[in-house]
Amino acid sequence: MSVTSLPAAIEPFKWADRTTQVVVDVPLAKFSRLAADLVHTNGTVKLDCRFERDAQHVAYLRGEASTVVTLICQRCLEPMELLVHATIDLALLHKEEHAERLPEDADYLVVEEQDVVLAEIIEDELLLNIPFTPMHDDCDSLSFEQPEEETVAIEPVKENPFLVLAALKKPSA
């Protein structure tokens, strides 16, 4: 089965039983958490993923999501475009306890309800692939330190530590 538009809610285990493929372009504006930090929401998220079951009958969501977003560079504070690409490989589980039978490095999502908002899962994966501090490539190598001014070395005046004793000494009569 193939899906060409993003539904509001899905039943991921039924979709995995049917080996459902989702190929769709979703407007960036539909991803509110992602859009909150963007300069604008022009553009789309290209989604190509599939729901399937493996040999152990575990449901998986596998695929890719990519988009180009415009953020503010945290070094120069100018707008910058950033390609965000997320590779998705999530095991879908009914209960947390089922994670024990997965490989140690497997990512999983516990789905307690029948209806799941696929857009939220995709949005989470995209957010995980945006750098914490986005910067232009050339801003990373720039140094914004102030040049050091030429300083003239001033020698400190050394006080004689015995001057205090000399003041205490009484003149001899």
N, C-alpha and C. Protein backbone atom coordinates (compact mmCIF):
# COMPACT_ATOMS: atom_id res chain seq x y z
N MET A 1 0.84 -1.18 0.00
CA MET A 1 0.00 0.00 0.00
C MET A 1 0.89 1.24 0.00
N SER A 2 0.50 2.25 -0.75
CA SER A 2 1.27 3.48 -0.83
C SER A 2 0.39 4.67 -0.45
N VAL A 3 0.97 5.61 0.31
CA VAL A 3 0.24 6.79 0.76
C VAL A 3 0.94 8.02 0.17
N THR A 4 0.16 8.92 -0.41
CA THR A 4 0.74 10.11 -1.04
C THR A 4 0.37 11.41 -0.34
N SER A 5 -0.38 11.33 0.76
CA SER A 5 -0.65 12.52 1.57
C SER A 5 -0.52 12.11 3.03
N LEU A 6 -0.14 13.06 3.86
CA LEU A 6 0.10 12.75 5.27
C LEU A 6 -1.21 12.83 6.04
N PRO A 7 -1.69 11.70 6.54
CA PRO A 7 -2.94 11.72 7.31
C PRO A 7 -2.73 12.32 8.69
N ALA A 8 -3.79 12.78 9.31
CA ALA A 8 -3.71 13.39 10.64
C ALA A 8 -3.24 12.37 11.66
N ALA A 9 -3.78 11.16 11.63
CA ALA A 9 -3.40 10.11 12.58
C ALA A 9 -3.36 8.78 11.84
N ILE A 10 -2.50 7.90 12.31
CA ILE A 10 -2.35 6.59 11.68
C ILE A 10 -2.41 5.49 12.74
N GLU A 11 -2.58 4.27 12.30
CA GLU A 11 -2.48 3.10 13.15
C GLU A 11 -1.21 2.37 12.72
N PRO A 12 -0.08 2.63 13.39
CA PRO A 12 1.22 2.16 12.90
C PRO A 12 1.36 0.64 12.79
N PHE A 13 0.73 -0.11 13.68
CA PHE A 13 0.87 -1.56 13.63
C PHE A 13 0.09 -2.15 12.45
N LYS A 14 -1.07 -1.58 12.15
CA LYS A 14 -1.81 -2.02 10.96
C LYS A 14 -1.06 -1.64 9.70
N TRP A 15 -0.44 -0.45 9.71
CA TRP A 15 0.32 -0.02 8.56
C TRP A 15 1.54 -0.93 8.36
N ALA A 16 2.14 -1.38 9.45
CA ALA A 16 3.29 -2.29 9.35
C ALA A 16 2.84 -3.65 8.82
N ASP A 17 1.67 -4.10 9.23
CA ASP A 17 1.14 -5.37 8.71
C ASP A 17 0.92 -5.31 7.21
N ARG A 18 0.56 -4.14 6.70
CA ARG A 18 0.29 -3.95 5.27
C ARG A 18 1.52 -3.49 4.49
N THR A 19 2.65 -3.31 5.18
CA THR A 19 3.89 -2.78 4.57
C THR A 19 3.56 -1.51 3.78
N THR A 20 3.18 -0.49 4.50
CA THR A 20 2.73 0.76 3.90
C THR A 20 3.90 1.70 3.64
N GLN A 21 3.94 2.24 2.44
CA GLN A 21 4.97 3.19 2.01
C GLN A 21 4.35 4.59 2.02
N VAL A 22 5.07 5.57 2.58
CA VAL A 22 4.61 6.96 2.61
C VAL A 22 5.62 7.81 1.87
N VAL A 23 5.20 8.38 0.74
CA VAL A 23 6.05 9.28 -0.03
C VAL A 23 5.25 10.55 -0.23
N VAL A 24 5.71 11.64 0.44
CA VAL A 24 4.92 12.86 0.43
C VAL A 24 5.80 14.07 0.71
N ASP A 25 5.39 15.22 0.18
CA ASP A 25 6.01 16.50 0.53
C ASP A 25 5.04 17.23 1.45
N VAL A 26 5.52 17.58 2.65
CA VAL A 26 4.67 18.23 3.65
C VAL A 26 5.17 19.66 3.85
N PRO A 27 4.29 20.66 3.82
CA PRO A 27 4.73 22.04 4.05
C PRO A 27 5.39 22.20 5.43
N LEU A 28 6.47 22.97 5.47
CA LEU A 28 7.18 23.21 6.74
C LEU A 28 6.26 23.81 7.80
N ALA A 29 5.30 24.59 7.39
CA ALA A 29 4.40 25.25 8.33
C ALA A 29 3.60 24.24 9.16
N LYS A 30 3.46 23.00 8.70
CA LYS A 30 2.71 21.97 9.45
C LYS A 30 3.48 21.49 10.68
N PHE A 31 4.78 21.76 10.75
CA PHE A 31 5.61 21.32 11.87
C PHE A 31 5.84 22.51 12.79
N SER A 32 4.94 22.73 13.73
CA SER A 32 4.95 23.95 14.55
C SER A 32 6.19 24.07 15.43
N ARG A 33 6.66 22.98 16.03
CA ARG A 33 7.85 23.07 16.90
C ARG A 33 9.09 23.37 16.08
N LEU A 34 9.19 22.79 14.91
CA LEU A 34 10.32 23.05 14.02
C LEU A 34 10.24 24.48 13.49
N ALA A 35 9.06 24.93 13.12
CA ALA A 35 8.87 26.26 12.53
C ALA A 35 9.12 27.39 13.52
N ALA A 36 9.04 27.09 14.82
CA ALA A 36 9.17 28.14 15.83
C ALA A 36 10.52 28.85 15.78
N ASP A 37 11.58 28.17 15.41
CA ASP A 37 12.92 28.77 15.39
C ASP A 37 13.39 29.15 14.00
N LEU A 38 12.52 29.06 13.02
CA LEU A 38 12.92 29.35 11.64
C LEU A 38 12.67 30.81 11.29
N VAL A 39 13.45 31.32 10.34
CA VAL A 39 13.25 32.67 9.83
C VAL A 39 11.94 32.73 9.05
N HIS A 40 11.67 31.71 8.26
CA HIS A 40 10.41 31.60 7.52
C HIS A 40 10.07 30.12 7.35
N THR A 41 8.85 29.86 6.96
CA THR A 41 8.42 28.46 6.79
C THR A 41 8.17 28.13 5.33
N ASN A 42 8.89 28.78 4.44
CA ASN A 42 8.79 28.43 3.02
C ASN A 42 9.44 27.07 2.82
N GLY A 43 8.91 26.30 1.92
CA GLY A 43 9.51 25.01 1.61
C GLY A 43 8.72 23.85 2.17
N THR A 44 9.25 22.66 1.91
CA THR A 44 8.56 21.43 2.31
C THR A 44 9.55 20.45 2.94
N VAL A 45 8.98 19.48 3.61
CA VAL A 45 9.74 18.34 4.12
C VAL A 45 9.44 17.18 3.19
N LYS A 46 10.49 16.62 2.61
CA LYS A 46 10.33 15.45 1.74
C LYS A 46 10.41 14.21 2.61
N LEU A 47 9.36 13.44 2.60
CA LEU A 47 9.27 12.25 3.44
C LEU A 47 9.14 11.01 2.56
N ASP A 48 10.00 10.05 2.79
CA ASP A 48 9.95 8.76 2.10
C ASP A 48 10.22 7.70 3.16
N CYS A 49 9.15 7.09 3.66
CA CYS A 49 9.32 6.09 4.72
C CYS A 49 8.33 4.95 4.51
N ARG A 50 8.58 3.88 5.24
CA ARG A 50 7.71 2.72 5.14
C ARG A 50 7.52 2.08 6.51
N PHE A 51 6.36 1.54 6.71
CA PHE A 51 6.05 0.76 7.91
C PHE A 51 6.15 -0.70 7.49
N GLU A 52 6.88 -1.48 8.27
CA GLU A 52 7.08 -2.89 7.91
C GLU A 52 7.34 -3.71 9.16
N ARG A 53 7.35 -5.00 9.01
CA ARG A 53 7.68 -5.92 10.10
C ARG A 53 8.95 -6.68 9.71
N ASP A 54 9.79 -6.94 10.72
CA ASP A 54 11.01 -7.71 10.46
C ASP A 54 10.74 -9.20 10.67
N ALA A 55 11.79 -10.02 10.62
CA ALA A 55 11.65 -11.48 10.75
C ALA A 55 11.10 -11.87 12.13
N GLN A 56 11.35 -11.08 13.16
CA GLN A 56 10.83 -11.36 14.51
C GLN A 56 9.43 -10.78 14.72
N HIS A 57 8.84 -10.24 13.66
CA HIS A 57 7.50 -9.67 13.67
C HIS A 57 7.43 -8.34 14.45
N VAL A 58 8.56 -7.65 14.59
CA VAL A 58 8.60 -6.34 15.23
C VAL A 58 8.26 -5.29 14.18
N ALA A 59 7.38 -4.37 14.51
CA ALA A 59 7.00 -3.30 13.58
C ALA A 59 8.09 -2.23 13.56
N TYR A 60 8.38 -1.73 12.37
CA TYR A 60 9.39 -0.69 12.21
C TYR A 60 8.86 0.43 11.34
N LEU A 61 9.36 1.63 11.62
CA LEU A 61 9.19 2.79 10.74
C LEU A 61 10.58 3.09 10.24
N ARG A 62 10.79 2.96 8.93
CA ARG A 62 12.12 3.18 8.34
C ARG A 62 11.98 4.12 7.15
N GLY A 63 12.99 4.97 6.98
CA GLY A 63 12.98 5.85 5.83
C GLY A 63 13.82 7.09 6.05
N GLU A 64 13.48 8.14 5.32
CA GLU A 64 14.23 9.39 5.37
C GLU A 64 13.28 10.58 5.29
N ALA A 65 13.70 11.64 5.95
CA ALA A 65 12.99 12.92 5.86
C ALA A 65 14.06 13.99 5.66
N SER A 66 13.81 14.93 4.76
CA SER A 66 14.80 15.98 4.54
C SER A 66 14.09 17.28 4.16
N THR A 67 14.78 18.36 4.49
CA THR A 67 14.27 19.69 4.17
C THR A 67 15.42 20.68 4.25
N VAL A 68 15.19 21.86 3.74
CA VAL A 68 16.14 22.97 3.89
C VAL A 68 15.43 24.02 4.73
N VAL A 69 16.04 24.39 5.86
CA VAL A 69 15.45 25.38 6.76
C VAL A 69 16.34 26.62 6.80
N THR A 70 15.73 27.75 7.12
CA THR A 70 16.47 28.99 7.27
C THR A 70 16.45 29.37 8.75
N LEU A 71 17.63 29.35 9.34
CA LEU A 71 17.82 29.66 10.76
C LEU A 71 18.68 30.91 10.91
N ILE A 72 18.86 31.36 12.13
CA ILE A 72 19.77 32.46 12.42
C ILE A 72 21.09 31.86 12.88
N CYS A 73 22.17 32.25 12.22
CA CYS A 73 23.51 31.82 12.63
C CYS A 73 23.79 32.40 14.01
N GLN A 74 24.20 31.56 14.92
CA GLN A 74 24.41 31.99 16.30
C GLN A 74 25.75 32.71 16.50
N ARG A 75 26.55 32.78 15.47
CA ARG A 75 27.82 33.50 15.58
C ARG A 75 27.69 34.90 15.00
N CYS A 76 27.18 35.01 13.76
CA CYS A 76 27.10 36.33 13.11
C CYS A 76 25.69 36.92 13.12
N LEU A 77 24.71 36.14 13.56
CA LEU A 77 23.31 36.56 13.68
C LEU A 77 22.66 36.92 12.33
N GLU A 78 23.17 36.32 11.26
CA GLU A 78 22.59 36.49 9.93
C GLU A 78 21.82 35.22 9.57
N PRO A 79 20.81 35.32 8.69
CA PRO A 79 20.09 34.11 8.27
C PRO A 79 21.01 33.14 7.54
N MET A 80 20.76 31.87 7.73
CA MET A 80 21.54 30.83 7.04
C MET A 80 20.62 29.67 6.66
N GLU A 81 20.93 29.05 5.54
CA GLU A 81 20.17 27.88 5.12
C GLU A 81 20.90 26.64 5.58
N LEU A 82 20.14 25.66 6.04
CA LEU A 82 20.72 24.43 6.55
C LEU A 82 19.92 23.25 6.01
N LEU A 83 20.63 22.30 5.39
CA LEU A 83 20.00 21.07 4.94
C LEU A 83 19.87 20.16 6.15
N VAL A 84 18.65 19.75 6.44
CA VAL A 84 18.39 18.84 7.56
C VAL A 84 17.94 17.52 6.97
N HIS A 85 18.68 16.46 7.29
CA HIS A 85 18.38 15.14 6.77
C HIS A 85 18.31 14.16 7.94
N ALA A 86 17.20 13.47 8.04
CA ALA A 86 17.02 12.50 9.13
C ALA A 86 16.82 11.11 8.53
N THR A 87 17.63 10.18 9.00
CA THR A 87 17.44 8.78 8.65
C THR A 87 16.64 8.16 9.79
N ILE A 88 15.52 7.58 9.45
CA ILE A 88 14.59 7.07 10.46
C ILE A 88 14.66 5.54 10.48
N ASP A 89 14.87 4.99 11.66
CA ASP A 89 14.88 3.54 11.85
C ASP A 89 14.38 3.28 13.27
N LEU A 90 13.08 3.30 13.44
CA LEU A 90 12.46 3.17 14.76
C LEU A 90 11.65 1.89 14.86
N ALA A 91 11.93 1.11 15.90
CA ALA A 91 11.08 -0.02 16.22
C ALA A 91 9.85 0.53 16.94
N LEU A 92 8.71 0.03 16.62
CA LEU A 92 7.45 0.48 17.23
C LEU A 92 6.99 -0.61 18.19
N LEU A 93 6.88 -0.26 19.47
CA LEU A 93 6.57 -1.24 20.50
C LEU A 93 5.29 -0.87 21.23
N HIS A 94 4.57 -1.90 21.71
CA HIS A 94 3.38 -1.68 22.52
C HIS A 94 3.76 -1.30 23.95
N LYS A 95 4.82 -1.92 24.47
CA LYS A 95 5.24 -1.69 25.85
C LYS A 95 6.75 -1.55 25.93
N GLU A 96 7.20 -0.81 26.93
CA GLU A 96 8.63 -0.58 27.17
C GLU A 96 9.38 -1.91 27.36
N GLU A 97 8.74 -2.87 27.98
CA GLU A 97 9.39 -4.16 28.27
C GLU A 97 9.81 -4.90 27.00
N HIS A 98 9.13 -4.63 25.90
CA HIS A 98 9.44 -5.31 24.64
C HIS A 98 10.79 -4.85 24.06
N ALA A 99 11.33 -3.78 24.57
CA ALA A 99 12.62 -3.27 24.07
C ALA A 99 13.76 -4.22 24.38
N GLU A 100 13.57 -5.11 25.35
CA GLU A 100 14.63 -6.06 25.74
C GLU A 100 14.99 -7.01 24.61
N ARG A 101 14.06 -7.29 23.71
CA ARG A 101 14.35 -8.22 22.62
C ARG A 101 14.94 -7.54 21.38
N LEU A 102 15.12 -6.22 21.45
CA LEU A 102 15.73 -5.48 20.35
C LEU A 102 17.25 -5.47 20.50
N PRO A 103 17.96 -5.25 19.40
CA PRO A 103 19.42 -5.06 19.53
C PRO A 103 19.71 -3.87 20.44
N GLU A 104 20.87 -3.91 21.07
CA GLU A 104 21.22 -2.90 22.08
C GLU A 104 21.21 -1.47 21.53
N ASP A 105 21.63 -1.30 20.28
CA ASP A 105 21.73 0.05 19.71
C ASP A 105 20.48 0.49 18.94
N ALA A 106 19.40 -0.28 19.03
CA ALA A 106 18.18 0.04 18.29
C ALA A 106 17.42 1.18 18.96
N ASP A 107 16.91 2.07 18.12
CA ASP A 107 16.02 3.13 18.61
C ASP A 107 14.59 2.61 18.53
N TYR A 108 13.78 2.99 19.51
CA TYR A 108 12.41 2.51 19.51
C TYR A 108 11.47 3.59 20.02
N LEU A 109 10.21 3.38 19.73
CA LEU A 109 9.16 4.29 20.15
C LEU A 109 8.04 3.45 20.73
N VAL A 110 7.66 3.75 21.97
CA VAL A 110 6.56 3.04 22.60
C VAL A 110 5.26 3.71 22.16
N VAL A 111 4.40 2.93 21.53
CA VAL A 111 3.13 3.43 21.02
C VAL A 111 2.03 2.80 21.86
N GLU A 112 1.50 3.56 22.80
CA GLU A 112 0.48 3.05 23.72
C GLU A 112 -0.93 3.19 23.16
N GLU A 113 -1.11 4.14 22.27
CA GLU A 113 -2.43 4.36 21.69
C GLU A 113 -2.47 3.81 20.28
N GLN A 114 -3.66 3.59 19.78
CA GLN A 114 -3.81 3.09 18.42
C GLN A 114 -3.49 4.17 17.39
N ASP A 115 -3.97 5.40 17.65
CA ASP A 115 -3.75 6.48 16.69
C ASP A 115 -2.50 7.26 17.06
N VAL A 116 -1.62 7.41 16.08
CA VAL A 116 -0.36 8.12 16.27
C VAL A 116 -0.29 9.22 15.21
N VAL A 117 0.23 10.37 15.61
CA VAL A 117 0.40 11.48 14.66
C VAL A 117 1.78 11.32 14.03
N LEU A 118 1.81 10.87 12.78
CA LEU A 118 3.07 10.62 12.08
C LEU A 118 3.89 11.89 11.94
N ALA A 119 3.23 13.04 11.76
CA ALA A 119 3.95 14.31 11.60
C ALA A 119 4.78 14.62 12.85
N GLU A 120 4.30 14.26 14.03
CA GLU A 120 5.06 14.52 15.26
C GLU A 120 6.32 13.65 15.34
N ILE A 121 6.22 12.42 14.89
CA ILE A 121 7.39 11.54 14.88
C ILE A 121 8.44 12.08 13.91
N ILE A 122 8.00 12.49 12.74
CA ILE A 122 8.91 13.03 11.73
C ILE A 122 9.52 14.33 12.25
N GLU A 123 8.72 15.17 12.88
CA GLU A 123 9.21 16.43 13.43
C GLU A 123 10.28 16.19 14.49
N ASP A 124 10.06 15.19 15.36
CA ASP A 124 11.06 14.85 16.37
C ASP A 124 12.38 14.45 15.72
N GLU A 125 12.32 13.64 14.69
CA GLU A 125 13.53 13.18 14.01
C GLU A 125 14.27 14.35 13.35
N LEU A 126 13.54 15.28 12.77
CA LEU A 126 14.17 16.45 12.16
C LEU A 126 14.82 17.35 13.21
N LEU A 127 14.10 17.56 14.33
CA LEU A 127 14.65 18.40 15.40
C LEU A 127 15.93 17.81 15.98
N LEU A 128 16.01 16.50 16.05
CA LEU A 128 17.22 15.85 16.56
C LEU A 128 18.42 16.04 15.64
N ASN A 129 18.16 16.40 14.38
CA ASN A 129 19.24 16.56 13.42
C ASN A 129 19.61 18.02 13.15
N ILE A 130 19.04 18.94 13.92
CA ILE A 130 19.43 20.35 13.81
C ILE A 130 20.47 20.62 14.89
N PRO A 131 21.59 21.23 14.53
CA PRO A 131 22.61 21.50 15.55
C PRO A 131 22.08 22.41 16.66
N PHE A 132 22.58 22.19 17.86
CA PHE A 132 22.17 23.00 19.01
C PHE A 132 22.51 24.47 18.78
N THR A 133 23.67 24.73 18.19
CA THR A 133 24.11 26.09 17.88
C THR A 133 24.41 26.17 16.39
N PRO A 134 23.41 26.49 15.57
CA PRO A 134 23.66 26.54 14.13
C PRO A 134 24.57 27.71 13.77
N MET A 135 25.55 27.43 12.91
CA MET A 135 26.49 28.47 12.45
C MET A 135 26.83 28.23 10.99
N HIS A 136 27.12 29.33 10.27
CA HIS A 136 27.67 29.21 8.93
C HIS A 136 28.99 28.44 9.02
N ASP A 137 29.34 27.73 7.96
CA ASP A 137 30.62 27.02 7.95
C ASP A 137 31.79 27.98 8.10
N ASP A 138 31.72 29.13 7.43
CA ASP A 138 32.85 30.07 7.51
C ASP A 138 32.86 30.85 8.82
N CYS A 139 31.75 30.93 9.54
CA CYS A 139 31.74 31.60 10.84
C CYS A 139 32.46 30.76 11.89
N ASP A 140 32.45 29.45 11.71
CA ASP A 140 33.08 28.55 12.68
C ASP A 140 34.58 28.78 12.75
N SER A 141 35.19 29.17 11.62
CA SER A 141 36.64 29.34 11.60
C SER A 141 37.07 30.77 11.92
N LEU A 142 36.11 31.69 11.94
CA LEU A 142 36.46 33.08 12.24
C LEU A 142 36.76 33.26 13.71
N SER A 143 37.64 34.16 13.99
CA SER A 143 37.93 34.48 15.37
C SER A 143 37.46 35.89 15.63
N PHE A 144 36.61 36.05 16.62
CA PHE A 144 36.08 37.36 16.94
C PHE A 144 36.78 37.98 18.14
N GLU A 145 37.98 37.51 18.45
CA GLU A 145 38.71 38.07 19.57
C GLU A 145 39.29 39.42 19.17
N GLN A 146 39.38 40.31 20.12
CA GLN A 146 39.96 41.62 19.88
C GLN A 146 41.46 41.47 19.72
N PRO A 147 42.07 42.20 18.77
CA PRO A 147 43.52 42.12 18.65
C PRO A 147 44.16 42.71 19.90
N GLU A 148 45.24 42.10 20.29
CA GLU A 148 45.91 42.57 21.49
C GLU A 148 46.62 43.90 21.20
N GLU A 149 46.45 44.83 22.12
CA GLU A 149 47.13 46.11 21.97
C GLU A 149 48.56 45.94 22.44
N GLU A 150 49.42 46.75 21.82
CA GLU A 150 50.81 46.70 22.24
C GLU A 150 50.92 47.33 23.61
N THR A 151 51.53 46.64 24.52
CA THR A 151 51.65 47.16 25.88
C THR A 151 53.10 47.46 26.17
N VAL A 152 53.27 48.53 26.89
CA VAL A 152 54.61 48.91 27.33
C VAL A 152 54.79 48.35 28.73
N ALA A 153 55.83 47.59 28.88
CA ALA A 153 56.08 46.97 30.18
C ALA A 153 56.58 48.02 31.15
N ILE A 154 55.87 48.20 32.23
CA ILE A 154 56.27 49.13 33.27
C ILE A 154 56.81 48.31 34.42
N GLU A 155 58.03 48.60 34.75
CA GLU A 155 58.66 47.88 35.85
C GLU A 155 58.06 48.35 37.17
N PRO A 156 57.62 47.45 38.00
CA PRO A 156 57.09 47.87 39.29
C PRO A 156 58.23 48.37 40.18
N VAL A 157 57.90 49.39 40.96
CA VAL A 157 58.89 49.93 41.90
C VAL A 157 58.97 48.99 43.07
N LYS A 158 60.17 48.50 43.35
CA LYS A 158 60.33 47.57 44.46
C LYS A 158 60.59 48.36 45.72
N GLU A 159 59.76 48.08 46.70
CA GLU A 159 59.97 48.74 47.98
C GLU A 159 60.93 47.91 48.82
N ASN A 160 61.70 48.62 49.59
CA ASN A 160 62.62 47.95 50.51
C ASN A 160 61.81 47.48 51.70
N PRO A 161 61.79 46.18 51.98
CA PRO A 161 60.97 45.69 53.08
C PRO A 161 61.47 46.16 54.45
N PHE A 162 62.70 46.67 54.52
CA PHE A 162 63.26 47.09 55.81
C PHE A 162 63.03 48.56 56.09
N LEU A 163 62.32 49.29 55.18
CA LEU A 163 62.05 50.70 55.43
C LEU A 163 61.22 50.91 56.69
N VAL A 164 60.31 50.00 56.92
CA VAL A 164 59.46 50.10 58.11
C VAL A 164 60.33 49.99 59.36
N LEU A 165 61.31 49.10 59.35
CA LEU A 165 62.20 48.95 60.49
C LEU A 165 63.08 50.18 60.69
N ALA A 166 63.48 50.80 59.60
CA ALA A 166 64.32 52.00 59.70
C ALA A 166 63.54 53.14 60.38
N ALA A 167 62.26 53.20 60.14
CA ALA A 167 61.46 54.26 60.77
C ALA A 167 61.30 53.99 62.26
N LEU A 168 61.35 52.77 62.70
CA LEU A 168 61.21 52.44 64.10
C LEU A 168 62.52 52.65 64.88
N LYS A 169 63.61 52.63 64.18
CA LYS A 169 64.92 52.76 64.82
C LYS A 169 65.09 54.18 65.37
N LYS A 170 65.46 54.27 66.63
CA LYS A 170 65.66 55.58 67.24
C LYS A 170 67.05 56.08 66.89
N PRO A 171 67.12 57.35 66.63
CA PRO A 171 68.48 57.88 66.37
C PRO A 171 69.32 57.82 67.66
N SER A 172 70.55 57.45 67.56
CA SER A 172 71.44 57.34 68.74
C SER A 172 71.94 58.71 69.13
N ALA A 173 71.98 58.95 70.43
CA ALA A 173 72.38 60.25 70.95
C ALA A 173 73.80 60.29 71.36
